Structures are given as structure tokens and as C-alpha cells.
């Protein structure tokens, strides 16, 4: 995903202390991109998003996690790195209007922002 560079995702994971501590088939960085992609394809569920996410890697050894493994990975990473990303613009730094976007990505991750805003976010 060119709009959210690896370095920005890694910074979000580090800032929220969500970096995995052991080698996994679903590293935290991959889970973040899976969640972001799930926002684009909500109708296909995590396994369908995974297939879309890895489809161009045909012929390479790619993990084929079950739906429950994908959901468990989402829970493991949690909402904090997504909140961090929702409060910053990956290309330009911190967002000028944090309240408007707060919690949108966190809700996509299954978390709750804990606040209600006038625009419904």
C-alpha cells in the first residue's frame, strides 16, 4: 500500500507497543494492512480480503490462515496502532482535525473510540 508506507505502519506499531515479539505467519504489519484492506472490501470478510491481499503472490509460499486465525491476529494487534494511524496523515504528519477522524480506523479494527463526535465518527 503506497498510501501508508511500511515505515509509518512500523511507527504506529512501535508507538502503540503492538509489534509482535516472536516470528509469526501473520506479522503485525501484515495485520494492519489486512485491516486497512478490509475497509475497502467489507463484503468479503477476512478470508476474502486475504485472498485479494495476496492474489498477486501466486507461486510464492504464502500463509493461508483460517478465518479464525485472521480474526485472532486482528485482536492480537488491537486498535491502538489504528488509532495512531487515524490521528496522523501518513504522507503529511499529524492531522489538523484529529477529532473528526478519531476512531474511524479503530472501529474498523473492532475497537471503540470511546467518544461520539458530531459527524458520527
N, C-alpha and C. Protein backbone atom coordinates (compact mmCIF):
# COMPACT_ATOMS: atom_id res chain seq x y z
N UNK A 1 0.84 -1.17 0.00
CA UNK A 1 0.00 0.00 0.00
C UNK A 1 0.89 1.23 0.00
N UNK A 2 0.90 1.93 -1.07
CA UNK A 2 1.77 3.09 -1.19
C UNK A 2 1.27 4.27 -0.36
N UNK A 3 -0.01 4.35 -0.07
CA UNK A 3 -0.52 5.48 0.69
C UNK A 3 -0.17 5.41 2.17
N UNK A 4 0.09 4.23 2.65
CA UNK A 4 0.51 4.06 4.05
C UNK A 4 1.83 3.29 4.02
N UNK A 5 2.94 4.02 4.02
CA UNK A 5 4.26 3.38 3.91
C UNK A 5 4.55 2.43 5.07
N UNK A 6 5.39 1.44 4.80
CA UNK A 6 5.79 0.48 5.83
C UNK A 6 6.33 1.20 7.06
N UNK A 7 7.12 2.24 6.84
CA UNK A 7 7.73 2.95 7.96
C UNK A 7 6.66 3.57 8.87
N UNK A 8 5.58 4.06 8.27
CA UNK A 8 4.51 4.66 9.07
C UNK A 8 3.79 3.61 9.88
N UNK A 9 3.51 2.46 9.26
CA UNK A 9 2.86 1.35 9.98
C UNK A 9 3.78 0.87 11.10
N UNK A 10 5.06 0.73 10.81
CA UNK A 10 6.00 0.30 11.85
C UNK A 10 6.06 1.31 13.00
N UNK A 11 6.00 2.60 12.66
CA UNK A 11 5.99 3.63 13.71
C UNK A 11 4.73 3.52 14.56
N UNK A 12 3.58 3.29 13.92
CA UNK A 12 2.32 3.13 14.65
C UNK A 12 2.38 1.92 15.57
N UNK A 13 2.94 0.83 15.07
CA UNK A 13 3.05 -0.39 15.89
C UNK A 13 3.99 -0.17 17.07
N UNK A 14 5.10 0.51 16.82
CA UNK A 14 6.05 0.79 17.90
C UNK A 14 5.47 1.73 18.93
N UNK A 15 4.81 2.79 18.48
CA UNK A 15 4.24 3.78 19.39
C UNK A 15 3.15 3.18 20.26
N UNK A 16 2.44 2.20 19.72
CA UNK A 16 1.33 1.58 20.47
C UNK A 16 1.75 0.26 21.11
N UNK A 17 3.02 -0.07 21.01
CA UNK A 17 3.57 -1.31 21.59
C UNK A 17 2.82 -2.56 21.11
N UNK A 18 2.56 -2.59 19.80
CA UNK A 18 1.83 -3.72 19.23
C UNK A 18 2.71 -4.56 18.28
N UNK A 19 4.01 -4.36 18.33
CA UNK A 19 4.92 -5.15 17.50
C UNK A 19 4.97 -6.57 18.06
N UNK A 20 4.91 -7.55 17.16
CA UNK A 20 4.95 -8.93 17.64
C UNK A 20 6.29 -9.22 18.28
N UNK A 21 6.28 -10.13 19.26
CA UNK A 21 7.52 -10.46 19.97
C UNK A 21 8.14 -11.75 19.46
N UNK A 22 7.45 -12.45 18.58
CA UNK A 22 8.01 -13.67 18.00
C UNK A 22 7.66 -13.73 16.52
N UNK A 23 8.36 -14.57 15.79
CA UNK A 23 8.12 -14.72 14.37
C UNK A 23 6.76 -15.39 14.17
N UNK A 24 5.92 -14.78 13.34
CA UNK A 24 4.57 -15.29 13.12
C UNK A 24 4.28 -15.36 11.64
N UNK A 25 3.30 -16.21 11.29
CA UNK A 25 2.82 -16.25 9.90
C UNK A 25 2.11 -14.95 9.55
N UNK A 26 1.52 -14.31 10.54
CA UNK A 26 0.81 -13.05 10.35
C UNK A 26 1.46 -11.96 11.21
N UNK A 27 2.56 -11.38 10.72
CA UNK A 27 3.20 -10.30 11.49
C UNK A 27 2.27 -9.11 11.67
N UNK A 28 2.52 -8.34 12.68
CA UNK A 28 1.66 -7.19 12.99
C UNK A 28 1.50 -6.25 11.81
N UNK A 29 2.58 -5.98 11.08
CA UNK A 29 2.50 -5.09 9.92
C UNK A 29 1.52 -5.63 8.89
N UNK A 30 1.56 -6.92 8.64
CA UNK A 30 0.65 -7.54 7.67
C UNK A 30 -0.79 -7.42 8.15
N UNK A 31 -1.00 -7.59 9.44
CA UNK A 31 -2.36 -7.50 10.00
C UNK A 31 -2.91 -6.09 9.83
N UNK A 32 -2.08 -5.07 10.01
CA UNK A 32 -2.53 -3.69 9.81
C UNK A 32 -3.00 -3.50 8.37
N UNK A 33 -2.22 -3.96 7.42
CA UNK A 33 -2.63 -3.83 6.01
C UNK A 33 -3.87 -4.65 5.71
N UNK A 34 -4.02 -5.80 6.35
CA UNK A 34 -5.24 -6.59 6.19
C UNK A 34 -6.45 -5.81 6.67
N UNK A 35 -6.34 -5.16 7.82
CA UNK A 35 -7.45 -4.39 8.37
C UNK A 35 -7.78 -3.20 7.46
N UNK A 36 -6.74 -2.52 6.98
CA UNK A 36 -6.98 -1.40 6.06
C UNK A 36 -7.67 -1.89 4.78
N UNK A 37 -7.23 -3.04 4.27
CA UNK A 37 -7.86 -3.60 3.06
C UNK A 37 -9.29 -4.04 3.35
N UNK A 38 -9.55 -4.52 4.57
CA UNK A 38 -10.90 -4.94 4.93
C UNK A 38 -11.88 -3.77 4.88
N UNK A 39 -11.37 -2.56 5.11
CA UNK A 39 -12.22 -1.37 4.99
C UNK A 39 -12.65 -1.15 3.55
N UNK A 40 -11.83 -1.58 2.61
CA UNK A 40 -12.14 -1.41 1.18
C UNK A 40 -13.07 -2.50 0.66
N UNK A 41 -13.02 -3.67 1.28
CA UNK A 41 -13.81 -4.82 0.83
C UNK A 41 -14.61 -5.43 1.97
N UNK A 42 -15.50 -4.68 2.60
CA UNK A 42 -16.20 -5.20 3.78
C UNK A 42 -17.12 -6.38 3.48
N UNK A 43 -17.51 -6.55 2.24
CA UNK A 43 -18.48 -7.60 1.90
C UNK A 43 -17.86 -8.99 1.79
N UNK A 44 -16.52 -9.11 1.77
CA UNK A 44 -15.92 -10.43 1.53
C UNK A 44 -15.35 -11.09 2.77
N UNK A 45 -15.31 -10.42 3.90
CA UNK A 45 -14.77 -11.00 5.12
C UNK A 45 -13.26 -11.13 5.08
N UNK A 46 -12.67 -11.48 6.21
CA UNK A 46 -11.21 -11.55 6.30
C UNK A 46 -10.59 -12.55 5.31
N UNK A 47 -11.13 -13.77 5.15
CA UNK A 47 -10.51 -14.69 4.18
C UNK A 47 -10.54 -14.14 2.75
N UNK A 48 -11.63 -13.50 2.36
CA UNK A 48 -11.70 -12.91 1.02
C UNK A 48 -10.73 -11.76 0.86
N UNK A 49 -10.60 -10.95 1.90
CA UNK A 49 -9.65 -9.84 1.86
C UNK A 49 -8.22 -10.40 1.78
N UNK A 50 -7.95 -11.47 2.53
CA UNK A 50 -6.62 -12.09 2.48
C UNK A 50 -6.31 -12.56 1.07
N UNK A 51 -7.28 -13.20 0.41
CA UNK A 51 -7.06 -13.66 -0.97
C UNK A 51 -6.78 -12.48 -1.90
N UNK A 52 -7.53 -11.39 -1.73
CA UNK A 52 -7.28 -10.20 -2.55
C UNK A 52 -5.91 -9.61 -2.24
N UNK A 53 -5.56 -9.62 -0.98
CA UNK A 53 -4.31 -9.04 -0.50
C UNK A 53 -3.10 -9.81 -1.01
N UNK A 54 -3.23 -11.12 -1.16
CA UNK A 54 -2.09 -11.96 -1.53
C UNK A 54 -2.21 -12.52 -2.94
N UNK A 55 -3.25 -12.17 -3.67
CA UNK A 55 -3.50 -12.74 -5.00
C UNK A 55 -2.36 -12.57 -5.98
N UNK A 56 -1.65 -11.48 -5.92
CA UNK A 56 -0.55 -11.23 -6.86
C UNK A 56 0.71 -12.03 -6.51
N UNK A 57 0.67 -12.75 -5.42
CA UNK A 57 1.84 -13.51 -4.98
C UNK A 57 1.77 -14.98 -5.41
N UNK A 58 0.94 -15.28 -6.41
CA UNK A 58 0.77 -16.67 -6.88
C UNK A 58 2.14 -17.28 -7.20
N UNK A 59 2.33 -18.49 -6.73
CA UNK A 59 3.58 -19.19 -6.96
C UNK A 59 4.59 -19.02 -5.83
N UNK A 60 4.35 -18.07 -4.96
CA UNK A 60 5.23 -17.87 -3.80
C UNK A 60 4.62 -18.55 -2.58
N UNK A 61 5.45 -18.99 -1.66
CA UNK A 61 4.90 -19.60 -0.45
C UNK A 61 4.23 -18.53 0.43
N UNK A 62 2.93 -18.59 0.52
CA UNK A 62 2.15 -17.61 1.28
C UNK A 62 1.31 -18.35 2.30
N UNK A 63 1.29 -17.85 3.52
CA UNK A 63 0.44 -18.44 4.56
C UNK A 63 -1.02 -18.36 4.11
N UNK A 64 -1.79 -19.37 4.40
CA UNK A 64 -3.22 -19.38 4.12
C UNK A 64 -3.97 -19.56 5.43
N UNK A 65 -4.04 -18.51 6.23
CA UNK A 65 -4.67 -18.60 7.55
C UNK A 65 -6.18 -18.78 7.45
N UNK A 66 -6.72 -19.42 8.46
CA UNK A 66 -8.17 -19.60 8.54
C UNK A 66 -8.83 -18.28 8.95
N UNK A 67 -10.14 -18.21 8.81
CA UNK A 67 -10.88 -17.01 9.22
C UNK A 67 -10.66 -16.73 10.70
N UNK A 68 -10.64 -17.77 11.53
CA UNK A 68 -10.45 -17.55 12.96
C UNK A 68 -9.02 -17.07 13.26
N UNK A 69 -8.03 -17.56 12.51
CA UNK A 69 -6.65 -17.10 12.71
C UNK A 69 -6.52 -15.62 12.33
N UNK A 70 -7.21 -15.20 11.27
CA UNK A 70 -7.18 -13.79 10.87
C UNK A 70 -7.86 -12.91 11.92
N UNK A 71 -8.99 -13.37 12.44
CA UNK A 71 -9.69 -12.60 13.49
C UNK A 71 -8.85 -12.55 14.76
N UNK A 72 -8.19 -13.65 15.10
CA UNK A 72 -7.33 -13.68 16.29
C UNK A 72 -6.14 -12.72 16.11
N UNK A 73 -5.57 -12.67 14.91
CA UNK A 73 -4.46 -11.74 14.64
C UNK A 73 -4.93 -10.30 14.79
N UNK A 74 -6.14 -10.01 14.31
CA UNK A 74 -6.70 -8.66 14.45
C UNK A 74 -6.83 -8.29 15.92
N UNK A 75 -7.32 -9.22 16.72
CA UNK A 75 -7.46 -8.97 18.16
C UNK A 75 -6.09 -8.80 18.82
N UNK A 76 -5.12 -9.59 18.39
CA UNK A 76 -3.76 -9.51 18.96
C UNK A 76 -3.16 -8.13 18.72
N UNK A 77 -3.28 -7.62 17.52
CA UNK A 77 -2.73 -6.30 17.20
C UNK A 77 -3.53 -5.21 17.91
N UNK A 78 -4.84 -5.36 17.97
CA UNK A 78 -5.68 -4.40 18.67
C UNK A 78 -5.92 -3.13 17.89
N UNK A 79 -6.58 -2.20 18.53
CA UNK A 79 -7.00 -0.95 17.88
C UNK A 79 -5.99 0.18 18.04
N UNK A 80 -5.08 0.09 18.99
CA UNK A 80 -4.18 1.22 19.27
C UNK A 80 -3.36 1.67 18.05
N UNK A 81 -2.74 0.75 17.28
CA UNK A 81 -1.98 1.24 16.13
C UNK A 81 -2.88 1.90 15.08
N UNK A 82 -4.11 1.43 14.97
CA UNK A 82 -5.04 2.03 14.02
C UNK A 82 -5.50 3.39 14.49
N UNK A 83 -5.67 3.55 15.79
CA UNK A 83 -5.97 4.88 16.33
C UNK A 83 -4.82 5.83 16.03
N UNK A 84 -3.60 5.34 16.22
CA UNK A 84 -2.42 6.16 15.95
C UNK A 84 -2.42 6.59 14.49
N UNK A 85 -2.70 5.66 13.59
CA UNK A 85 -2.75 5.99 12.17
C UNK A 85 -3.89 6.94 11.85
N UNK A 86 -5.02 6.79 12.53
CA UNK A 86 -6.17 7.65 12.23
C UNK A 86 -5.93 9.08 12.69
N UNK A 87 -4.98 9.28 13.60
CA UNK A 87 -4.68 10.62 14.11
C UNK A 87 -3.55 11.28 13.35
N UNK A 88 -3.02 10.58 12.34
CA UNK A 88 -1.93 11.18 11.57
C UNK A 88 -2.21 10.98 10.09
N UNK A 89 -1.62 11.81 9.29
CA UNK A 89 -1.68 11.67 7.83
C UNK A 89 -0.35 11.02 7.44
N UNK A 90 -0.36 9.80 6.92
CA UNK A 90 0.89 9.09 6.64
C UNK A 90 1.82 9.86 5.71
N UNK A 91 1.29 10.75 4.90
CA UNK A 91 2.14 11.49 3.97
C UNK A 91 2.54 12.87 4.49
N UNK A 92 1.75 13.43 5.41
CA UNK A 92 1.99 14.81 5.82
C UNK A 92 2.16 15.00 7.33
N UNK A 93 2.15 13.94 8.11
CA UNK A 93 2.31 14.10 9.55
C UNK A 93 0.97 14.20 10.25
N UNK A 94 0.93 14.78 11.45
CA UNK A 94 -0.31 14.83 12.24
C UNK A 94 -1.44 15.54 11.52
N UNK A 95 -2.63 15.01 11.69
CA UNK A 95 -3.81 15.58 11.05
C UNK A 95 -4.22 16.87 11.75
N UNK A 96 -4.63 17.88 10.99
CA UNK A 96 -5.04 19.13 11.62
C UNK A 96 -6.36 19.02 12.37
N UNK A 97 -7.23 18.12 11.96
CA UNK A 97 -8.53 17.98 12.62
C UNK A 97 -8.64 16.56 13.18
N UNK A 98 -8.03 16.33 14.30
CA UNK A 98 -7.98 14.99 14.87
C UNK A 98 -9.34 14.48 15.31
N UNK A 99 -10.18 15.32 15.84
CA UNK A 99 -11.47 14.87 16.38
C UNK A 99 -12.36 14.29 15.29
N UNK A 100 -12.29 14.83 14.09
CA UNK A 100 -13.18 14.38 13.02
C UNK A 100 -12.88 12.95 12.60
N UNK A 101 -11.60 12.57 12.59
CA UNK A 101 -11.24 11.23 12.12
C UNK A 101 -11.01 10.23 13.24
N UNK A 102 -11.00 10.69 14.47
CA UNK A 102 -10.67 9.83 15.61
C UNK A 102 -11.60 8.62 15.66
N UNK A 103 -11.01 7.44 15.72
CA UNK A 103 -11.79 6.23 15.92
C UNK A 103 -12.28 5.56 14.66
N UNK A 104 -12.19 6.16 13.49
CA UNK A 104 -12.71 5.52 12.29
C UNK A 104 -11.97 4.22 12.00
N UNK A 105 -10.64 4.26 11.99
CA UNK A 105 -9.88 3.05 11.76
C UNK A 105 -9.97 2.11 12.96
N UNK A 106 -10.08 2.67 14.15
CA UNK A 106 -10.21 1.84 15.35
C UNK A 106 -11.48 1.00 15.28
N UNK A 107 -12.58 1.60 14.82
CA UNK A 107 -13.82 0.83 14.67
C UNK A 107 -13.66 -0.24 13.61
N UNK A 108 -12.91 0.04 12.55
CA UNK A 108 -12.66 -0.96 11.52
C UNK A 108 -11.91 -2.15 12.10
N UNK A 109 -11.10 -1.89 13.13
CA UNK A 109 -10.34 -2.95 13.78
C UNK A 109 -11.15 -3.67 14.84
N UNK A 110 -12.37 -3.21 15.09
CA UNK A 110 -13.19 -3.85 16.09
C UNK A 110 -13.10 -3.18 17.44
N UNK A 111 -12.34 -2.10 17.52
CA UNK A 111 -12.21 -1.35 18.77
C UNK A 111 -13.28 -0.28 18.84
N UNK A 112 -13.25 0.47 19.91
CA UNK A 112 -14.20 1.57 20.08
C UNK A 112 -13.43 2.82 20.42
N UNK A 113 -13.85 3.91 19.86
CA UNK A 113 -13.13 5.15 20.13
C UNK A 113 -13.47 5.70 21.50
N UNK A 114 -14.62 5.32 22.04
CA UNK A 114 -14.99 5.78 23.37
C UNK A 114 -15.59 7.17 23.36
N UNK A 115 -15.71 7.79 22.20
CA UNK A 115 -16.26 9.14 22.10
C UNK A 115 -17.22 9.19 20.92
N UNK A 116 -18.14 10.11 21.03
CA UNK A 116 -19.05 10.36 19.92
C UNK A 116 -18.77 11.76 19.41
N UNK A 117 -18.72 11.89 18.11
CA UNK A 117 -18.42 13.18 17.50
C UNK A 117 -19.59 13.62 16.65
N UNK A 118 -19.70 14.91 16.40
CA UNK A 118 -20.83 15.43 15.63
C UNK A 118 -20.99 14.78 14.26
N UNK A 119 -19.89 14.36 13.64
CA UNK A 119 -20.01 13.76 12.30
C UNK A 119 -20.27 12.27 12.37
N UNK A 120 -20.44 11.71 13.57
CA UNK A 120 -20.75 10.29 13.73
C UNK A 120 -19.55 9.40 13.84
N UNK A 121 -18.35 9.96 13.77
CA UNK A 121 -17.15 9.11 13.87
C UNK A 121 -16.82 8.81 15.32
